[in-house]
Amino acid sequence: MQTLIQVVCSERKSLRDVIAHDEKLWKYNFYVEAKQKPGRSPGWAKIHSVNPNVRGAINISWQSRVKILTCRVITKGTGKPAIIIGDFMKYLLARFSRSIESIIIVPR
């Protein structure tokens, strides 16, 4: 299953880059599996949950012109996206609530 999350931000700096280099990411049970080198457009990052019972990955990209963080939550097999999405929303709102204008979640 794939779920799309769009986060509209008020700041110009790349939220994807901030997440990929966030030292507190592990406190919210996530780690960065891979990321593209900074400065290259379009940038991307892939994060996973530290919890082995939470299956799936979140692919993150940043569109600087429109200040939107696009996150594709990918789960395979019987993996349900609710837990990883809930953990990610908790992380975003705890760390970046001042710069978030809206969050749109689209199940596919």
N, C-alpha and C. Protein backbone atom coordinates (compact mmCIF):
# COMPACT_ATOMS: atom_id res chain seq x y z
N MET A 1 0.85 -1.18 0.00
CA MET A 1 0.00 0.00 0.00
C MET A 1 0.89 1.24 0.00
N GLN A 2 0.42 2.27 -0.63
CA GLN A 2 1.15 3.53 -0.69
C GLN A 2 0.24 4.65 -0.22
N THR A 3 0.78 5.52 0.64
CA THR A 3 0.03 6.67 1.15
C THR A 3 0.87 7.90 0.89
N LEU A 4 0.25 8.95 0.41
CA LEU A 4 0.93 10.21 0.13
C LEU A 4 0.63 11.20 1.25
N ILE A 5 1.70 11.83 1.75
CA ILE A 5 1.56 12.89 2.76
C ILE A 5 2.22 14.13 2.20
N GLN A 6 1.48 15.23 2.16
CA GLN A 6 2.05 16.51 1.74
C GLN A 6 2.01 17.47 2.92
N VAL A 7 3.16 18.07 3.19
CA VAL A 7 3.29 19.00 4.30
C VAL A 7 3.63 20.37 3.72
N VAL A 8 2.71 21.32 3.84
CA VAL A 8 2.92 22.67 3.34
C VAL A 8 3.60 23.47 4.45
N CYS A 9 4.73 24.09 4.11
CA CYS A 9 5.54 24.78 5.12
C CYS A 9 5.60 26.28 4.85
N SER A 10 5.96 27.02 5.88
CA SER A 10 6.07 28.46 5.76
C SER A 10 7.52 28.90 5.55
N GLU A 11 8.47 28.03 5.82
CA GLU A 11 9.88 28.38 5.69
C GLU A 11 10.46 27.89 4.37
N ARG A 12 11.47 28.59 3.88
CA ARG A 12 12.11 28.27 2.62
C ARG A 12 13.11 27.12 2.70
N LYS A 13 13.76 26.94 3.87
CA LYS A 13 14.80 25.93 3.95
C LYS A 13 14.20 24.54 3.79
N SER A 14 14.99 23.64 3.25
CA SER A 14 14.54 22.29 2.94
C SER A 14 14.23 21.50 4.21
N LEU A 15 12.97 21.20 4.42
CA LEU A 15 12.59 20.39 5.56
C LEU A 15 13.11 18.96 5.40
N ARG A 16 13.22 18.50 4.17
CA ARG A 16 13.79 17.18 3.91
C ARG A 16 15.23 17.10 4.39
N ASP A 17 16.01 18.13 4.12
CA ASP A 17 17.40 18.16 4.54
C ASP A 17 17.50 18.24 6.07
N VAL A 18 16.62 19.00 6.69
CA VAL A 18 16.61 19.11 8.15
C VAL A 18 16.28 17.76 8.78
N ILE A 19 15.29 17.05 8.23
CA ILE A 19 14.92 15.74 8.76
C ILE A 19 16.06 14.74 8.56
N ALA A 20 16.69 14.76 7.39
CA ALA A 20 17.76 13.81 7.09
C ALA A 20 18.97 13.99 8.01
N HIS A 21 19.16 15.17 8.57
CA HIS A 21 20.30 15.44 9.45
C HIS A 21 19.89 15.68 10.90
N ASP A 22 18.65 15.36 11.25
CA ASP A 22 18.15 15.61 12.60
C ASP A 22 18.71 14.57 13.58
N GLU A 23 19.44 15.03 14.56
CA GLU A 23 20.03 14.13 15.56
C GLU A 23 18.98 13.55 16.51
N LYS A 24 17.81 14.16 16.57
CA LYS A 24 16.76 13.68 17.45
C LYS A 24 15.77 12.74 16.75
N LEU A 25 16.04 12.39 15.52
CA LEU A 25 15.16 11.51 14.76
C LEU A 25 15.00 10.16 15.46
N TRP A 26 16.06 9.65 16.04
CA TRP A 26 16.01 8.35 16.73
C TRP A 26 15.08 8.38 17.94
N LYS A 27 14.91 9.55 18.57
CA LYS A 27 14.00 9.64 19.71
C LYS A 27 12.56 9.36 19.32
N TYR A 28 12.25 9.53 18.05
CA TYR A 28 10.91 9.28 17.54
C TYR A 28 10.85 7.96 16.77
N ASN A 29 11.83 7.09 17.03
CA ASN A 29 11.88 5.73 16.48
C ASN A 29 12.08 5.68 14.97
N PHE A 30 12.88 6.59 14.43
CA PHE A 30 13.20 6.56 13.00
C PHE A 30 14.70 6.64 12.79
N TYR A 31 15.14 6.14 11.65
CA TYR A 31 16.53 6.32 11.22
C TYR A 31 16.56 6.54 9.71
N VAL A 32 17.58 7.22 9.23
CA VAL A 32 17.73 7.50 7.81
C VAL A 32 18.46 6.33 7.17
N GLU A 33 17.82 5.70 6.20
CA GLU A 33 18.45 4.59 5.49
C GLU A 33 19.35 5.11 4.37
N ALA A 34 18.86 6.08 3.63
CA ALA A 34 19.61 6.61 2.49
C ALA A 34 19.18 8.04 2.24
N LYS A 35 20.10 8.80 1.64
CA LYS A 35 19.75 10.18 1.25
C LYS A 35 20.64 10.60 0.10
N GLN A 36 20.12 11.51 -0.70
CA GLN A 36 20.90 12.06 -1.80
C GLN A 36 21.76 13.18 -1.26
N LYS A 37 22.87 13.41 -1.88
CA LYS A 37 23.78 14.46 -1.43
C LYS A 37 23.11 15.82 -1.46
N PRO A 38 23.36 16.65 -0.43
CA PRO A 38 22.75 17.98 -0.38
C PRO A 38 23.18 18.84 -1.58
N GLY A 39 22.30 19.74 -1.96
CA GLY A 39 22.61 20.65 -3.05
C GLY A 39 22.19 20.13 -4.40
N ARG A 40 21.90 18.85 -4.50
CA ARG A 40 21.45 18.29 -5.77
C ARG A 40 19.94 18.32 -5.81
N SER A 41 19.40 18.68 -6.93
CA SER A 41 17.96 18.82 -7.04
C SER A 41 17.42 17.71 -7.93
N PRO A 42 16.36 17.05 -7.66
CA PRO A 42 15.63 17.12 -6.40
C PRO A 42 16.28 16.24 -5.34
N GLY A 43 16.27 16.71 -4.13
CA GLY A 43 16.82 15.94 -3.02
C GLY A 43 15.80 14.93 -2.52
N TRP A 44 16.27 13.88 -1.92
CA TRP A 44 15.38 12.86 -1.37
C TRP A 44 16.03 12.21 -0.17
N ALA A 45 15.23 11.54 0.63
CA ALA A 45 15.71 10.76 1.76
C ALA A 45 14.73 9.61 1.99
N LYS A 46 15.22 8.53 2.58
CA LYS A 46 14.37 7.39 2.91
C LYS A 46 14.59 7.08 4.38
N ILE A 47 13.49 7.05 5.14
CA ILE A 47 13.59 6.73 6.55
C ILE A 47 12.76 5.49 6.87
N HIS A 48 13.19 4.79 7.91
CA HIS A 48 12.51 3.59 8.39
C HIS A 48 12.29 3.73 9.89
N SER A 49 11.37 2.93 10.40
CA SER A 49 11.14 2.87 11.84
C SER A 49 12.20 1.97 12.48
N VAL A 50 12.62 2.34 13.68
CA VAL A 50 13.55 1.52 14.45
C VAL A 50 12.84 0.27 14.95
N ASN A 51 11.55 0.38 15.19
CA ASN A 51 10.75 -0.72 15.71
C ASN A 51 10.61 -1.81 14.64
N PRO A 52 11.08 -3.06 14.92
CA PRO A 52 11.01 -4.12 13.92
C PRO A 52 9.57 -4.56 13.60
N ASN A 53 8.62 -4.24 14.45
CA ASN A 53 7.23 -4.59 14.20
C ASN A 53 6.52 -3.61 13.27
N VAL A 54 7.14 -2.46 13.03
CA VAL A 54 6.55 -1.45 12.14
C VAL A 54 7.23 -1.58 10.79
N ARG A 55 6.46 -2.10 9.83
CA ARG A 55 7.01 -2.33 8.50
C ARG A 55 6.75 -1.14 7.61
N GLY A 56 7.64 -0.94 6.64
CA GLY A 56 7.46 0.11 5.66
C GLY A 56 8.56 1.13 5.68
N ALA A 57 8.51 2.02 4.73
CA ALA A 57 9.50 3.08 4.59
C ALA A 57 8.78 4.37 4.21
N ILE A 58 9.45 5.49 4.48
CA ILE A 58 8.92 6.79 4.08
C ILE A 58 9.95 7.44 3.17
N ASN A 59 9.56 7.69 1.93
CA ASN A 59 10.42 8.37 0.96
C ASN A 59 10.05 9.85 0.97
N ILE A 60 11.04 10.69 1.22
CA ILE A 60 10.80 12.12 1.43
C ILE A 60 11.49 12.94 0.35
N SER A 61 10.77 13.91 -0.21
CA SER A 61 11.37 14.86 -1.15
C SER A 61 10.84 16.26 -0.84
N TRP A 62 11.56 17.27 -1.29
CA TRP A 62 11.25 18.66 -0.99
C TRP A 62 11.13 19.45 -2.29
N GLN A 63 10.03 20.18 -2.45
CA GLN A 63 9.85 21.08 -3.59
C GLN A 63 10.01 22.50 -3.07
N SER A 64 11.17 23.08 -3.32
CA SER A 64 11.51 24.38 -2.72
C SER A 64 10.67 25.54 -3.26
N ARG A 65 10.27 25.49 -4.52
CA ARG A 65 9.49 26.61 -5.08
C ARG A 65 8.15 26.78 -4.38
N VAL A 66 7.53 25.66 -4.00
CA VAL A 66 6.21 25.72 -3.38
C VAL A 66 6.25 25.42 -1.88
N LYS A 67 7.44 25.11 -1.36
CA LYS A 67 7.66 24.83 0.07
C LYS A 67 6.77 23.68 0.56
N ILE A 68 6.81 22.56 -0.19
CA ILE A 68 6.03 21.38 0.16
C ILE A 68 6.95 20.18 0.34
N LEU A 69 6.79 19.51 1.48
CA LEU A 69 7.47 18.25 1.75
C LEU A 69 6.54 17.14 1.30
N THR A 70 7.00 16.31 0.37
CA THR A 70 6.19 15.21 -0.13
C THR A 70 6.75 13.91 0.43
N CYS A 71 5.89 13.14 1.09
CA CYS A 71 6.31 11.89 1.73
C CYS A 71 5.44 10.76 1.18
N ARG A 72 6.10 9.74 0.65
CA ARG A 72 5.39 8.55 0.20
C ARG A 72 5.65 7.45 1.20
N VAL A 73 4.60 6.99 1.86
CA VAL A 73 4.71 5.91 2.83
C VAL A 73 4.41 4.61 2.08
N ILE A 74 5.40 3.72 2.06
CA ILE A 74 5.28 2.47 1.32
C ILE A 74 5.25 1.31 2.32
N THR A 75 4.20 0.50 2.27
CA THR A 75 4.14 -0.73 3.06
C THR A 75 3.81 -1.87 2.12
N LYS A 76 4.45 -3.02 2.36
CA LYS A 76 4.23 -4.18 1.50
C LYS A 76 3.55 -5.28 2.30
N GLY A 77 2.90 -6.16 1.59
CA GLY A 77 2.26 -7.31 2.24
C GLY A 77 1.17 -6.88 3.19
N THR A 78 1.24 -7.42 4.42
CA THR A 78 0.20 -7.14 5.40
C THR A 78 0.51 -5.91 6.24
N GLY A 79 1.60 -5.21 5.91
CA GLY A 79 1.97 -4.02 6.67
C GLY A 79 0.91 -2.94 6.58
N LYS A 80 0.42 -2.50 7.71
CA LYS A 80 -0.58 -1.44 7.76
C LYS A 80 0.15 -0.11 7.99
N PRO A 81 -0.21 0.93 7.24
CA PRO A 81 0.53 2.19 7.33
C PRO A 81 0.20 3.05 8.54
N ALA A 82 -0.84 2.72 9.29
CA ALA A 82 -1.30 3.60 10.37
C ALA A 82 -0.23 3.87 11.42
N ILE A 83 0.53 2.86 11.81
CA ILE A 83 1.51 3.05 12.89
C ILE A 83 2.66 3.93 12.43
N ILE A 84 3.23 3.66 11.26
CA ILE A 84 4.37 4.45 10.79
C ILE A 84 3.93 5.88 10.47
N ILE A 85 2.72 6.05 9.94
CA ILE A 85 2.21 7.40 9.66
C ILE A 85 1.98 8.15 10.97
N GLY A 86 1.39 7.49 11.95
CA GLY A 86 1.15 8.13 13.25
C GLY A 86 2.44 8.56 13.92
N ASP A 87 3.45 7.69 13.89
CA ASP A 87 4.75 8.03 14.47
C ASP A 87 5.39 9.21 13.73
N PHE A 88 5.26 9.22 12.41
CA PHE A 88 5.85 10.30 11.61
C PHE A 88 5.12 11.63 11.86
N MET A 89 3.79 11.58 11.99
CA MET A 89 3.04 12.80 12.29
C MET A 89 3.43 13.34 13.67
N LYS A 90 3.58 12.45 14.63
CA LYS A 90 4.02 12.86 15.97
C LYS A 90 5.38 13.54 15.90
N TYR A 91 6.29 12.99 15.12
CA TYR A 91 7.62 13.59 14.95
C TYR A 91 7.52 14.96 14.29
N LEU A 92 6.80 15.06 13.18
CA LEU A 92 6.69 16.34 12.47
C LEU A 92 6.10 17.43 13.36
N LEU A 93 5.02 17.11 14.05
CA LEU A 93 4.36 18.12 14.86
C LEU A 93 5.16 18.49 16.10
N ALA A 94 5.90 17.54 16.64
CA ALA A 94 6.73 17.84 17.81
C ALA A 94 7.94 18.69 17.45
N ARG A 95 8.52 18.44 16.29
CA ARG A 95 9.77 19.12 15.92
C ARG A 95 9.56 20.37 15.05
N PHE A 96 8.52 20.41 14.23
CA PHE A 96 8.41 21.47 13.22
C PHE A 96 7.04 22.16 13.19
N SER A 97 6.30 22.14 14.28
CA SER A 97 4.93 22.67 14.26
C SER A 97 4.87 24.15 13.89
N ARG A 98 5.89 24.91 14.22
CA ARG A 98 5.87 26.35 13.90
C ARG A 98 5.97 26.63 12.41
N SER A 99 6.62 25.75 11.67
CA SER A 99 6.79 26.00 10.23
C SER A 99 5.80 25.23 9.36
N ILE A 100 4.93 24.42 9.97
CA ILE A 100 3.94 23.66 9.20
C ILE A 100 2.64 24.44 9.11
N GLU A 101 2.18 24.65 7.88
CA GLU A 101 0.90 25.33 7.66
C GLU A 101 -0.25 24.35 7.52
N SER A 102 -0.01 23.22 6.84
CA SER A 102 -1.05 22.20 6.70
C SER A 102 -0.41 20.86 6.37
N ILE A 103 -1.16 19.81 6.68
CA ILE A 103 -0.75 18.43 6.36
C ILE A 103 -1.91 17.76 5.65
N ILE A 104 -1.61 17.17 4.51
CA ILE A 104 -2.63 16.48 3.71
C ILE A 104 -2.20 15.03 3.59
N ILE A 105 -3.10 14.10 3.95
CA ILE A 105 -2.81 12.67 3.84
C ILE A 105 -3.78 12.08 2.84
N VAL A 106 -3.21 11.43 1.81
CA VAL A 106 -4.03 10.84 0.73
C VAL A 106 -3.73 9.35 0.65
N PRO A 107 -4.66 8.49 1.08
CA PRO A 107 -4.43 7.06 0.92
C PRO A 107 -4.64 6.65 -0.55
N ARG A 108 -3.83 5.70 -1.00
CA ARG A 108 -3.95 5.26 -2.41
C ARG A 108 -4.25 3.79 -2.46
